[in-house]
Protein backbone atom coordinates (compact mmCIF):
# COMPACT_ATOMS: atom_id res chain seq x y z
CA MET A 1 25.34 134.40 11.87
CA GLY A 2 27.89 132.31 13.64
CA TYR A 3 28.10 130.47 16.73
CA LYS A 4 30.05 132.86 19.24
CA SER A 5 30.43 130.05 21.80
CA LEU A 6 29.56 125.95 22.34
CA ALA A 7 26.47 127.42 24.50
CA GLU A 8 25.09 129.49 22.27
CA CYS A 9 25.06 126.45 19.63
CA VAL A 10 23.70 124.27 22.36
CA ALA A 11 20.51 126.84 23.13
CA ASP A 12 19.82 126.82 19.37
CA LEU A 13 19.88 123.67 19.19
CA GLU A 14 17.70 123.15 21.79
CA LYS A 15 15.28 126.04 20.64
CA HIS A 16 14.56 123.83 17.25
CA GLY A 17 14.34 120.77 18.70
CA HIS A 18 17.31 118.76 18.18
CA LEU A 19 18.77 118.68 21.76
CA LEU A 20 17.79 116.12 25.02
CA ARG A 21 18.44 117.67 28.79
CA ILE A 22 19.33 115.47 31.32
CA LYS A 23 18.35 116.57 34.60
CA GLU A 24 19.31 113.34 37.00
CA GLU A 25 22.99 112.98 38.14
CA VAL A 26 24.83 110.61 35.13
CA ASP A 27 28.23 107.97 36.18
CA PRO A 28 31.08 109.89 33.62
CA TYR A 29 32.06 105.76 33.85
CA LEU A 30 30.26 104.31 31.42
CA GLU A 31 26.79 105.30 32.13
CA MET A 32 27.03 108.66 29.72
CA ALA A 33 29.00 106.49 27.24
CA ALA A 34 26.19 104.04 27.31
CA ILE A 35 23.09 107.07 26.84
CA HIS A 36 25.09 108.49 24.25
CA LEU A 37 25.86 105.23 22.10
CA ARG A 38 21.80 104.03 22.61
CA VAL A 39 20.66 107.49 21.42
CA TYR A 40 23.22 107.55 18.55
CA GLU A 41 21.46 104.52 17.34
CA GLN A 42 18.48 105.83 17.33
CA LYS A 43 19.68 108.84 15.24
CA GLY A 44 18.47 110.78 18.33
CA PRO A 45 19.60 114.59 19.22
CA ALA A 46 22.31 116.16 21.07
CA ILE A 47 22.11 115.34 24.77
CA PHE A 48 23.27 117.60 27.17
CA PHE A 49 24.35 116.24 30.65
CA GLU A 50 23.42 118.93 32.79
CA ASN A 51 24.79 116.97 36.44
CA VAL A 52 27.90 115.18 35.90
CA LYS A 53 29.17 112.88 38.89
CA GLY A 54 32.41 114.20 40.27
CA SER A 55 32.38 117.69 38.50
CA PRO A 56 31.34 120.76 38.44
CA PHE A 57 30.70 121.24 34.73
CA PRO A 58 28.43 119.83 32.61
CA ALA A 59 28.54 117.83 29.19
CA VAL A 60 27.25 117.50 25.82
CA SER A 61 27.61 115.06 23.12
CA ASN A 62 26.28 114.01 19.80
CA LEU A 63 26.20 117.46 18.28
CA PHE A 64 27.54 115.80 15.10
CA GLY A 65 25.28 112.69 15.05
CA THR A 66 23.40 113.02 12.07
CA LEU A 67 24.71 114.64 8.18
CA GLU A 68 21.30 116.91 8.83
CA ARG A 69 21.88 118.25 12.44
CA SER A 70 25.75 118.83 11.63
CA LYS A 71 24.31 120.63 8.46
CA PHE A 72 21.79 122.51 10.41
CA MET A 73 24.82 124.11 12.58
CA PHE A 74 26.62 125.34 9.68
CA ARG A 75 23.62 126.25 7.30
CA ASP A 76 24.44 129.58 6.91
CA SER A 77 28.39 128.91 5.89
CA LEU A 78 28.42 125.54 3.98
CA PRO A 79 28.31 126.83 0.56
CA ARG A 80 30.80 129.35 0.89
CA VAL A 81 33.53 127.02 2.41
CA SER A 82 32.92 123.94 0.01
CA GLN A 83 33.92 127.05 -2.46
CA LEU A 84 37.21 128.29 -0.56
CA VAL A 85 37.97 124.52 -0.20
CA ASP A 86 37.55 124.12 -4.12
CA LEU A 87 39.32 127.23 -5.28
CA ARG A 88 42.33 126.33 -3.19
CA SER A 89 42.46 123.10 -4.34
CA ASP A 90 42.38 124.67 -8.18
CA PRO A 91 43.42 127.80 -8.42
CA MET A 92 42.61 127.66 -12.37
CA LYS A 93 39.01 127.97 -11.49
CA ALA A 94 39.07 131.77 -10.14
CA LEU A 95 40.52 132.79 -13.52
CA LYS A 96 38.12 130.43 -15.53
CA ASN A 97 35.00 131.87 -14.06
CA PRO A 98 35.95 135.35 -11.61
CA PHE A 99 32.43 136.24 -10.63
CA LYS A 100 31.68 132.77 -9.46
CA PHE A 101 34.58 133.09 -6.80
CA ALA A 102 34.71 136.39 -6.19
CA GLY A 103 33.57 136.27 -2.98
CA ALA A 104 35.84 133.11 -1.72
CA GLY A 105 39.19 135.31 -1.12
CA LEU A 106 37.08 137.46 0.68
CA THR A 107 35.55 134.76 2.52
CA ALA A 108 39.27 133.68 3.67
CA PHE A 109 40.93 137.19 4.64
CA SER A 110 37.58 138.21 6.63
CA ALA A 111 38.40 134.41 8.18
CA LEU A 112 41.95 135.05 9.54
CA PRO A 113 42.38 134.15 12.64
CA MET A 114 42.18 137.92 14.97
CA GLN A 115 44.65 138.11 18.24
CA GLN A 116 42.65 140.22 21.23
CA HIS A 117 43.64 140.33 24.54
CA LEU A 118 40.42 141.46 26.06
CA PHE A 119 39.23 137.57 26.62
CA LYS A 120 41.57 137.20 29.48
CA SER A 121 39.82 138.29 32.14
CA ALA A 122 36.94 135.66 30.89
CA PHE A 123 38.89 132.55 32.63
CA LYS A 124 39.12 130.92 35.70
CA LYS A 125 41.09 127.93 36.27
CA THR A 126 40.53 124.33 37.66
CA THR A 127 42.08 121.08 37.63
CA ILE A 128 42.49 117.73 35.45
CA SER A 129 40.25 115.93 38.08
CA GLN A 130 37.65 118.42 38.12
CA LEU A 131 37.25 118.41 34.73
CA PRO A 132 34.07 115.35 33.57
CA GLN A 133 36.74 112.04 34.14
CA ILE A 134 34.67 110.26 31.03
CA VAL A 135 35.32 106.79 30.33
CA ASN A 136 34.09 104.88 27.48
CA TRP A 137 34.69 101.38 27.85
CA PRO A 138 35.09 98.70 30.63
CA MET A 139 39.05 97.83 29.73
CA ASP A 140 40.13 101.31 29.04
CA GLY A 141 43.37 102.54 30.97
CA GLY A 142 41.02 105.77 32.35
CA PRO A 143 39.68 108.86 31.19
CA PHE A 144 40.08 110.47 28.03
CA VAL A 145 39.08 113.82 26.12
CA THR A 146 37.75 112.42 23.04
CA MET A 147 36.84 115.76 21.27
CA PRO A 148 39.98 117.88 21.41
CA GLN A 149 41.60 120.88 19.55
CA VAL A 150 44.97 120.07 19.75
CA TYR A 151 47.37 123.12 19.76
CA THR A 152 51.50 123.43 18.36
CA GLU A 153 53.28 126.10 17.09
CA ASP A 154 56.45 125.11 14.59
CA VAL A 155 59.61 126.29 16.82
CA ASN A 156 61.25 127.40 13.69
CA LYS A 157 58.55 129.53 12.71
CA PRO A 158 56.25 130.47 15.61
CA GLY A 159 53.27 132.46 14.88
CA ILE A 160 49.20 131.00 14.82
CA MET A 161 49.38 131.12 11.11
CA ASN A 162 52.43 128.36 11.13
CA ALA A 163 50.41 126.21 13.75
CA ASN A 164 48.69 123.01 14.05
CA LEU A 165 45.30 122.38 14.94
CA GLY A 166 44.25 118.27 15.38
CA MET A 167 42.22 115.76 16.61
CA TYR A 168 44.42 113.63 19.10
CA ARG A 169 43.19 111.76 22.02
CA ILE A 170 44.40 112.35 25.36
CA GLN A 171 44.35 110.51 28.84
CA LEU A 172 43.29 112.04 31.23
CA ALA A 173 44.26 110.04 34.45
CA GLY A 174 45.14 105.84 35.08
CA ASN A 175 47.77 104.56 34.54
CA ASP A 176 51.48 106.00 35.68
CA TYR A 177 50.35 110.00 35.35
CA ILE A 178 50.57 112.00 38.35
CA LYS A 179 46.92 113.11 39.23
CA ASP A 180 46.62 116.51 37.86
CA LYS A 181 50.42 117.39 37.08
CA GLU A 182 50.71 114.62 33.49
CA ILE A 183 48.46 113.64 30.94
CA GLY A 184 49.38 111.63 28.19
CA LEU A 185 49.32 112.79 24.19
CA HIS A 186 48.52 109.75 20.92
CA TYR A 187 49.45 110.58 17.88
CA GLN A 188 51.59 109.47 14.85
CA ILE A 189 54.91 110.84 14.21
CA HIS A 190 53.44 112.32 10.25
CA ARG A 191 50.34 114.26 12.12
CA GLY A 192 51.20 118.08 12.35
CA ILE A 193 51.97 117.52 16.11
CA GLY A 194 54.48 114.81 15.08
CA VAL A 195 56.58 117.00 12.85
CA HIS A 196 56.40 119.96 15.40
CA GLN A 197 57.47 117.71 18.04
CA SER A 198 60.45 116.20 16.09
CA LYS A 199 62.00 119.93 15.16
CA ALA A 200 61.43 120.81 18.86
CA ASN A 201 63.40 117.74 19.71
CA ALA A 202 65.97 118.36 17.03
CA LYS A 203 66.62 121.84 19.14
CA GLY A 204 66.02 120.14 22.52
CA VAL A 205 63.59 122.30 23.67
CA PRO A 206 60.01 121.61 24.88
CA LEU A 207 56.89 121.46 23.10
CA LYS A 208 54.44 124.05 23.76
CA VAL A 209 51.18 122.29 23.61
CA SER A 210 47.90 123.90 24.41
CA ILE A 211 44.67 121.91 24.37
CA PHE A 212 41.08 123.38 23.33
CA VAL A 213 37.69 121.64 24.26
CA GLY A 214 34.30 123.22 23.28
CA GLY A 215 33.98 126.46 21.53
CA PRO A 216 32.10 126.91 18.80
CA PRO A 217 31.44 123.73 16.31
CA SER A 218 33.38 124.68 13.22
CA HIS A 219 36.66 124.58 15.92
CA PRO A 220 36.42 120.90 16.36
CA LEU A 221 35.51 120.30 12.42
CA ALA A 222 38.46 122.45 11.77
CA ALA A 223 40.69 119.93 13.72
CA VAL A 224 39.80 117.09 11.69
CA MET A 225 39.42 118.45 8.08
CA PRO A 226 42.35 117.21 5.05
CA LEU A 227 43.08 120.96 4.32
CA PRO A 228 44.47 121.80 1.18
CA GLU A 229 48.22 122.94 1.80
CA GLY A 230 48.52 126.23 2.92
CA LEU A 231 45.27 126.24 4.45
CA SER A 232 45.21 126.50 7.95
CA GLU A 233 42.62 125.25 10.69
CA MET A 234 42.20 128.54 12.55
CA THR A 235 41.60 130.39 9.13
CA PHE A 236 39.18 127.35 8.00
CA ALA A 237 37.48 127.64 11.71
CA GLY A 238 37.17 131.17 11.14
CA ALA A 239 34.94 130.56 7.36
CA LEU A 240 33.06 127.87 8.74
CA GLY A 241 31.69 129.15 12.06
CA ASN A 242 31.31 132.83 10.03
CA ARG A 243 33.88 134.03 13.12
CA ARG A 244 36.80 134.71 13.26
CA PHE A 245 39.20 132.55 15.30
CA ARG A 246 39.93 134.79 18.41
CA TYR A 247 42.56 134.04 20.63
CA PHE A 248 45.69 135.42 22.73
CA TYR A 249 48.74 134.33 24.89
CA ASP A 250 49.01 133.83 28.53
CA GLU A 251 51.76 134.74 30.40
CA GLU A 252 54.07 131.32 30.44
CA GLY A 253 53.89 132.25 26.77
CA PHE A 254 50.55 129.42 25.26
CA CYS A 255 48.02 130.20 22.58
CA LEU A 256 44.40 129.93 24.45
CA SER A 257 41.50 129.88 22.09
CA ALA A 258 39.33 132.59 23.55
CA ASP A 259 35.93 130.50 22.29
CA ALA A 260 37.41 127.92 23.93
CA ASP A 261 35.27 126.45 26.61
CA PHE A 262 38.39 124.73 29.00
CA ILE A 263 41.95 124.69 28.04
CA ILE A 264 44.95 122.57 28.78
CA THR A 265 48.32 123.61 28.60
CA GLY A 266 51.52 122.09 28.94
CA THR A 267 54.71 121.23 27.55
CA VAL A 268 55.95 117.62 25.98
CA TYR A 269 59.68 117.28 26.33
CA PRO A 270 61.75 115.45 24.11
CA GLN A 271 62.08 111.24 24.75
CA GLU A 272 59.84 111.60 27.65
CA ASN A 273 56.95 109.09 27.17
CA LYS A 274 54.72 107.05 29.69
CA PRO A 275 52.10 104.14 28.88
CA GLU A 276 48.88 105.15 27.17
CA GLY A 277 45.98 103.76 26.52
CA PRO A 278 44.19 100.92 26.78
CA PHE A 279 41.31 102.41 24.55
CA GLY A 280 38.58 101.83 22.70
CA ASP A 281 39.03 102.32 19.22
CA HIS A 282 37.16 103.38 16.02
CA LEU A 283 38.05 99.90 14.51
CA GLY A 284 35.66 98.52 16.93
CA TYR A 285 38.63 97.15 19.30
CA TYR A 286 40.52 98.56 22.39
CA SER A 287 44.38 99.76 21.34
CA LEU A 288 46.37 98.51 23.60
CA THR A 289 48.80 100.63 26.08
CA HIS A 290 51.91 101.58 24.60
CA PRO A 291 54.64 104.36 25.32
CA PHE A 292 53.33 107.81 24.06
CA PRO A 293 54.19 111.17 24.57
CA LEU A 294 54.19 113.08 28.11
CA MET A 295 52.40 116.46 28.55
CA LYS A 296 53.21 118.15 31.76
CA VAL A 297 50.29 119.99 32.61
CA HIS A 298 50.99 123.90 33.65
CA ASN A 299 47.24 125.07 33.64
CA VAL A 300 43.62 124.57 33.09
CA TYR A 301 41.31 127.70 32.27
CA HIS A 302 37.73 127.18 32.04
CA LYS A 303 35.04 129.79 31.35
CA GLU A 304 32.28 130.80 33.31
CA ASP A 305 29.06 128.85 31.36
CA ALA A 306 31.58 126.50 29.99
CA ILE A 307 30.34 122.79 28.85
CA TRP A 308 32.52 119.88 28.18
CA SER A 309 32.23 118.44 25.15
CA PHE A 310 32.67 114.47 24.24
CA THR A 311 31.89 111.81 22.04
CA VAL A 312 32.24 107.83 22.27
CA VAL A 313 34.12 105.65 19.78
CA GLY A 314 33.39 102.39 18.95
CA ARG A 315 33.05 100.12 16.16
CA PRO A 316 31.18 102.14 13.32
CA PRO A 317 29.05 103.48 12.64
CA GLN A 318 29.50 106.25 14.99
CA GLU A 319 29.61 110.18 15.69
CA ASP A 320 32.74 110.20 13.51
CA THR A 321 30.47 108.53 11.03
CA SER A 322 28.62 111.95 10.26
CA PHE A 323 31.93 113.92 11.12
CA GLY A 324 33.19 112.08 8.14
CA ALA A 325 30.28 112.76 6.13
CA LEU A 326 30.16 116.37 6.83
CA ILE A 327 34.17 116.38 5.68
CA HIS A 328 32.74 114.47 2.71
CA GLU A 329 29.90 117.13 1.45
CA ILE A 330 32.36 119.78 2.23
CA ALA A 331 35.92 118.84 0.67
CA GLY A 332 34.81 115.74 -1.17
CA SER A 333 36.34 117.31 -4.89
CA ALA A 334 39.81 118.58 -2.81
CA LEU A 335 41.46 115.40 -2.99
CA PRO A 336 40.89 113.92 -6.74
CA GLN A 337 42.46 117.32 -7.87
CA GLU A 338 45.59 116.65 -5.37
CA ILE A 339 46.25 112.66 -7.43
CA HIS A 340 46.05 113.44 -11.13
CA GLY A 341 43.90 110.74 -13.01
CA LEU A 342 41.91 110.07 -9.18
CA LYS A 343 38.13 110.19 -9.91
CA GLU A 344 36.78 109.09 -6.38
CA VAL A 345 38.00 107.61 -3.29
CA ASN A 346 36.28 106.54 -0.12
CA ALA A 347 37.66 105.17 2.88
CA VAL A 348 35.16 102.64 4.04
CA ASP A 349 33.94 103.53 6.99
CA ALA A 350 31.95 100.26 8.12
CA ALA A 351 34.95 98.43 8.12
CA GLY A 352 36.99 100.76 10.36
CA VAL A 353 37.92 103.66 7.72
CA HIS A 354 41.76 102.70 7.24
CA PRO A 355 41.71 99.24 6.54
CA LEU A 356 39.59 99.44 3.31
CA LEU A 357 39.80 101.56 0.78
CA PHE A 358 37.88 102.11 -2.81
CA ALA A 359 39.10 104.57 -4.95
CA ILE A 360 37.71 104.71 -8.69
CA GLY A 361 40.52 106.09 -11.25
CA SER A 362 41.25 106.81 -15.20
CA GLU A 363 42.87 103.95 -16.99
CA ARG A 364 44.09 105.55 -20.47
CA TYR A 365 47.65 103.48 -20.86
CA THR A 366 47.46 102.19 -24.45
CA PRO A 367 44.12 102.83 -25.15
CA PHE A 368 45.13 101.24 -29.01
CA LEU A 369 45.29 97.57 -27.14
CA ASN A 370 42.50 95.19 -27.37
CA GLU A 371 42.88 93.89 -24.16
CA ARG A 372 42.78 96.37 -21.22
CA ARG A 373 44.25 95.86 -17.72
CA PRO A 374 45.41 97.75 -15.12
CA GLN A 375 48.13 100.31 -15.11
CA GLU A 376 47.44 104.03 -14.62
CA ILE A 377 45.23 103.14 -11.79
CA LEU A 378 48.42 101.10 -10.10
CA THR A 379 50.02 104.44 -10.28
CA ILE A 380 47.17 106.22 -8.54
CA ALA A 381 47.27 103.47 -6.33
CA ASN A 382 51.08 103.97 -5.50
CA HIS A 383 50.24 108.05 -5.00
CA ILE A 384 47.33 106.82 -2.61
CA LEU A 385 49.41 105.76 -0.56
CA GLY A 386 51.67 107.97 -0.14
CA LYS A 387 49.40 110.88 0.72
CA ASN A 388 48.59 111.97 4.23
CA GLN A 389 45.72 110.02 6.09
CA LEU A 390 45.37 107.74 2.95
CA SER A 391 48.80 106.40 3.81
CA LEU A 392 47.40 104.11 6.44
CA ALA A 393 44.98 102.30 3.92
CA LYS A 394 45.61 98.41 4.23
CA TYR A 395 43.59 97.03 1.60
CA VAL A 396 43.27 99.30 -1.55
CA LEU A 397 40.70 98.41 -4.36
CA ILE A 398 40.74 100.55 -7.14
CA ALA A 399 38.51 100.60 -10.40
CA ALA A 400 38.81 102.04 -13.92
CA ARG A 401 36.01 104.81 -14.56
CA GLU A 402 36.30 104.08 -17.99
CA ASP A 403 34.47 100.44 -17.23
CA ASN A 404 31.41 102.27 -15.50
CA GLU A 405 30.40 106.03 -15.43
CA GLN A 406 28.13 104.84 -12.58
CA LEU A 407 30.11 103.28 -10.36
CA ASN A 408 30.04 104.56 -6.96
CA THR A 409 32.85 103.90 -3.90
CA HIS A 410 30.00 104.60 -1.24
CA ASP A 411 27.73 101.64 -2.42
CA ILE A 412 29.90 98.59 -0.75
CA GLU A 413 28.24 95.49 -2.27
CA ALA A 414 28.02 97.39 -6.08
CA PHE A 415 31.80 98.41 -5.69
CA LEU A 416 32.65 94.86 -4.40
CA THR A 417 30.73 93.27 -7.74
CA HIS A 418 32.41 95.37 -9.96
CA ILE A 419 36.05 94.46 -8.77
CA LEU A 420 35.21 90.93 -7.98
CA SER A 421 33.49 90.40 -11.27
CA ARG A 422 36.60 91.88 -13.34
CA ILE A 423 40.11 91.38 -11.27
CA ASP A 424 42.29 88.64 -12.64
CA LEU A 425 43.87 86.84 -9.87
CA LYS A 426 46.67 85.85 -11.23
CA ARG A 427 48.10 89.55 -12.07
CA ASP A 428 46.20 92.10 -10.17
CA LEU A 429 47.17 91.26 -6.89
CA HIS A 430 49.97 93.59 -5.17
CA PHE A 431 51.82 93.40 -2.18
CA TYR A 432 53.66 95.86 0.06
CA THR A 433 55.36 93.75 2.99
CA GLU A 434 57.10 94.62 5.81
CA THR A 435 55.14 98.13 5.92
CA THR A 436 54.11 100.75 8.50
CA ILE A 437 50.06 100.55 9.07
CA ASP A 438 47.67 102.55 11.45
CA THR A 439 49.02 102.57 15.05
CA LEU A 440 45.25 101.57 16.08
CA ASP A 441 45.28 98.45 13.73
CA TYR A 442 46.63 94.95 15.50
CA SER A 443 46.28 92.72 12.30
CA GLY A 444 50.15 92.88 12.02
CA GLY A 445 53.09 91.92 13.69
CA GLY A 446 53.83 95.01 16.18
CA LEU A 447 52.65 98.84 17.11
CA ASN A 448 52.44 100.18 13.20
CA SER A 449 54.23 97.02 11.27
CA GLY A 450 52.18 95.14 8.78
CA SER A 451 51.02 94.72 5.18
CA LYS A 452 49.29 96.06 2.33
CA VAL A 453 47.60 94.90 -0.73
CA VAL A 454 46.37 96.75 -4.07
CA LEU A 455 43.96 94.97 -5.63
CA ALA A 456 42.84 96.31 -9.07
CA ALA A 457 40.50 95.48 -11.84
CA ALA A 458 40.50 97.32 -15.56
CA GLY A 459 38.20 95.82 -18.49
CA GLU A 460 35.67 93.53 -19.71
CA ILE A 461 34.23 91.30 -17.10
CA ARG A 462 35.65 88.06 -16.63
CA ARG A 463 33.32 85.99 -14.85
CA GLU A 464 29.36 85.86 -13.71
CA LEU A 465 29.24 85.62 -10.07
CA ALA A 466 28.24 82.52 -8.42
CA LYS A 467 24.94 82.79 -6.08
CA GLU A 468 25.47 79.13 -4.75
CA LEU A 469 27.71 76.79 -4.37
CA PRO A 470 28.61 74.61 -7.22
CA ALA A 471 27.74 70.75 -7.31
CA GLY A 472 30.32 68.57 -5.20
CA PHE A 473 31.34 71.25 -2.92
CA SER A 474 32.87 69.93 0.01
CA LEU A 475 34.43 71.11 2.69
CA PRO A 476 37.34 69.25 5.01
CA SER A 477 36.53 68.53 8.29
CA SER A 478 37.82 71.19 10.28
CA LEU A 479 35.52 73.87 8.06
CA GLU A 480 31.90 74.12 8.18
CA ALA A 481 28.65 75.90 7.35
CA PRO A 482 29.28 77.99 4.22
CA HIS A 483 27.69 80.95 3.93
CA PHE A 484 27.35 83.41 0.52
CA VAL A 485 27.84 87.30 2.37
CA MET A 486 27.53 88.29 -1.67
CA PRO A 487 27.16 86.61 -5.34
CA GLY A 488 30.99 85.39 -5.65
CA VAL A 489 31.59 85.57 -1.25
CA ILE A 490 31.27 83.09 0.72
CA ALA A 491 32.74 82.60 4.46
CA ILE A 492 33.44 79.35 5.93
CA THR A 493 33.61 79.14 9.97
CA ALA A 494 36.68 77.22 11.29
CA GLY A 495 38.31 76.22 14.04
CA ALA A 496 39.81 78.86 16.45
CA TYR A 497 43.25 80.15 15.06
CA THR A 498 46.24 79.17 16.48
CA THR A 499 49.37 79.42 14.93
CA PRO A 500 50.46 80.31 11.16
CA GLU A 501 51.67 76.66 10.45
CA GLU A 502 48.30 75.39 11.56
CA ALA A 503 46.52 78.02 9.03
CA ARG A 504 48.69 76.99 6.27
CA VAL A 505 47.85 73.25 6.91
CA SER A 506 44.19 75.14 6.80
CA VAL A 507 44.52 76.05 3.82
CA ALA A 508 45.98 73.56 2.21
CA ALA A 509 43.55 70.76 3.27
CA LEU A 510 40.67 73.26 1.49
CA ASN A 511 42.83 73.33 -1.73
CA THR A 512 43.44 69.59 -1.91
CA GLN A 513 39.32 69.38 -1.23
CA LEU A 514 38.78 72.29 -4.20
CA ARG A 515 41.36 71.85 -6.47
CA ASP A 516 38.99 69.99 -8.46
CA SER A 517 35.64 71.63 -8.56
CA ILE A 518 34.46 74.19 -10.84
CA LEU A 519 34.43 77.38 -9.00
CA ASP A 520 34.64 79.54 -11.91
CA GLY A 521 31.71 81.72 -9.85
CA ILE A 522 33.41 82.09 -6.57
CA VAL A 523 36.15 85.05 -6.21
CA LEU A 524 36.68 85.35 -2.44
CA ILE A 525 36.71 82.79 0.20
CA VAL A 526 36.56 84.07 3.82
CA LEU A 527 38.25 81.79 6.92
CA CYS A 528 36.03 83.11 10.23
CA ASP A 529 35.08 82.54 13.60
CA ASP A 530 31.40 82.78 12.76
CA ALA A 531 30.49 82.48 9.33
CA SER A 532 26.42 83.21 10.17
CA PHE A 533 27.52 86.64 11.68
CA THR A 534 30.48 87.65 8.87
CA ALA A 535 27.39 86.57 6.36
CA ALA A 536 24.87 88.43 8.47
CA ASP A 537 25.53 91.88 6.56
CA ILE A 538 28.02 93.59 4.17
CA ASN A 539 28.72 96.08 7.17
CA ASN A 540 30.04 92.94 9.39
CA PHE A 541 31.07 90.97 6.20
CA VAL A 542 33.70 94.47 6.03
CA TRP A 543 34.17 94.58 9.08
CA VAL A 544 35.18 90.71 10.33
CA THR A 545 37.26 90.43 6.91
CA PHE A 546 39.65 93.82 6.65
CA THR A 547 40.26 94.62 10.46
CA ARG A 548 41.05 91.01 11.46
CA SER A 549 43.80 90.37 8.44
CA ASN A 550 47.16 90.76 7.38
CA PRO A 551 47.12 90.77 3.94
CA ALA A 552 51.00 89.52 3.47
CA ALA A 553 50.28 86.77 6.48
CA ASP A 554 46.82 86.15 5.81
CA ILE A 555 45.91 85.93 2.12
CA HIS A 556 46.23 82.71 0.72
CA GLY A 557 44.41 81.48 -2.00
CA ILE A 558 43.57 78.10 -4.29
CA GLY A 559 46.65 77.02 -6.89
CA GLU A 560 48.55 79.70 -5.76
CA PHE A 561 51.65 80.44 -6.78
CA THR A 562 54.68 82.73 -7.16
CA LYS A 563 56.57 83.86 -10.38
CA ASP A 564 59.00 86.33 -10.88
CA LYS A 565 58.49 87.40 -7.11
CA HIS A 566 54.97 88.51 -7.97
CA TRP A 567 51.67 86.24 -6.18
CA GLY A 568 48.96 84.76 -7.38
CA CYS A 569 46.46 82.02 -7.42
CA THR A 570 44.48 80.15 -9.88
CA GLY A 571 41.11 79.19 -8.09
CA PRO A 572 39.22 81.66 -5.41
CA LEU A 573 41.14 84.14 -3.00
CA ILE A 574 41.54 83.19 0.43
CA ILE A 575 41.18 85.54 3.33
CA ASP A 576 41.80 84.23 7.12
CA ALA A 577 39.99 86.45 8.94
CA ARG A 578 39.91 84.58 12.08
CA LYS A 579 40.66 86.00 15.57
CA LYS A 580 44.47 86.32 15.92
CA PRO A 581 46.31 85.48 19.42
CA HIS A 582 47.88 89.02 18.84
CA HIS A 583 44.88 90.76 17.97
CA ALA A 584 43.29 93.41 20.63
CA PRO A 585 40.21 92.72 22.10
CA GLU A 586 36.85 93.72 20.64
CA LEU A 587 34.32 96.33 22.41
CA ILE A 588 31.87 94.88 24.41
CA LYS A 589 29.28 96.72 26.32
CA ASP A 590 28.88 96.47 29.88
CA ALA A 591 25.96 94.35 30.83
CA ALA A 592 24.80 95.78 34.31
CA VAL A 593 25.73 99.49 32.66
CA GLU A 594 23.04 98.87 29.94
CA ALA A 595 20.12 98.15 32.24
CA ASN A 596 21.17 100.81 34.70
CA ILE A 597 20.49 103.71 32.42
CA ASP A 598 16.93 101.92 31.50
CA ARG A 599 15.77 104.46 34.30
CA PHE A 600 16.56 107.58 32.37
CA LYS A 601 13.11 106.14 30.02
CA LEU A 602 14.76 108.40 26.54
CA LYS A 603 12.24 109.65 24.83
CA LEU A 604 13.37 110.46 21.72
């Protein structure tokens, strides 16, 4: 049976040994986040904070901290829900195997949202400042809601079945927000709420927004699921939670989740923005202060036994990593069915998700030719870059399934080895310049502004990747300490980045120094601030390389050339992954807070 509330979920986790209670008072300014991070890093349990300084409400975090615990919470419904998503992606399966999929339609029907007015009396009112004012990182602009479910309806087609439930960060205080009256919403225009706001703006009317916090764990998971077209988040929440999504409307016409612990209602008026941020984000850096939509608060509701749910965002892996693993468990087969020829795709978590994407596709063009080259997989890559969240990818590395049936996008080093041993650097890099990238990625020239590149590989192995430097290998005086990251890839410490002109001088000097060297087995050279850190493990390598570079500006090559507007190189590829002056600062824990939480003597 599904949980009726977050409190019921917390009790079940505690009963089965999946919960840590902290009874002492904890400061929501940095301390709660520091405890969460320490517990998560040790693959520890969910954490229940009984006494939050400055707030009458307890809080819980790390609910989804491990895939095992997530699957435990949904142990009764996962198989049926996976079947439902699979069926919505490929309805013909029901005709081919009607007995296997007979229950999927019933699951969806029984999960339809249910409007009930009986729950109105269960809610009381409070204020924004009474909520736990949790600040995760030292430079954050204020407290944020980090596990929200943001509900909006289409002004042209109102009602819950055309509504959107998404997880977008909410700033509760700080900056120029009027205390208890204004909060900030951070989202990108292509998201469901952005579409709804555009329609409201076109009509010149305010957009009504309801922010739910807490409730059964199926609700926040539904808010982040990449669902097939036509399957609503509320229906999915009902199917996953074994309990229909219950809702009602208040006197002002706002939709309220009857099972949520907290609900913030308010309106977003056309063209009204205020500065939002900074915020320590999932790339491992701060997203900076920018104007984002302003929400004028109408009411803040809460249940009698309300529990505030939160998470901590930072350099992966974090709790949202486990979220992603659960999403893949449920819907891993859905996306390849939406893109013809796509066999597998993975937004690499260790690289901050959106900066680096691995994909495998079919390469079936001109099978009668002796030499196979990337053709169909380039079409697939273009489709990927036009698909929902995948469109935020900055580096897309795509391989052909026919070259290795066992290739796996989740094995980072093996996948890179496959690509680097086959790629033709003169032909197989394809750039997209002056385009949009993730709002949270500051490697480009401005907000949402940068470039992308596709590296495609198909055909026979071209080279054996080098495991040691070739004889006579030497570097200009400005570069030092080459370290092998993996076969074929070396990291080199360079001086601090100053200007693009300086970078070109460094690359030119490297070109001159290496032009007569035999570098066949070296495919990628990464210029970085600290080669020993970058090469320490594969996660450090992908994080540094792909979060600190803008493809069009920072990719160079030994023997680089441009022919018919196509860029390539005859020798190794060079990526300048040094920190740039316009980059956002990385997340660093507060040493005093880290020492202070030792008093809790966490026993995991």
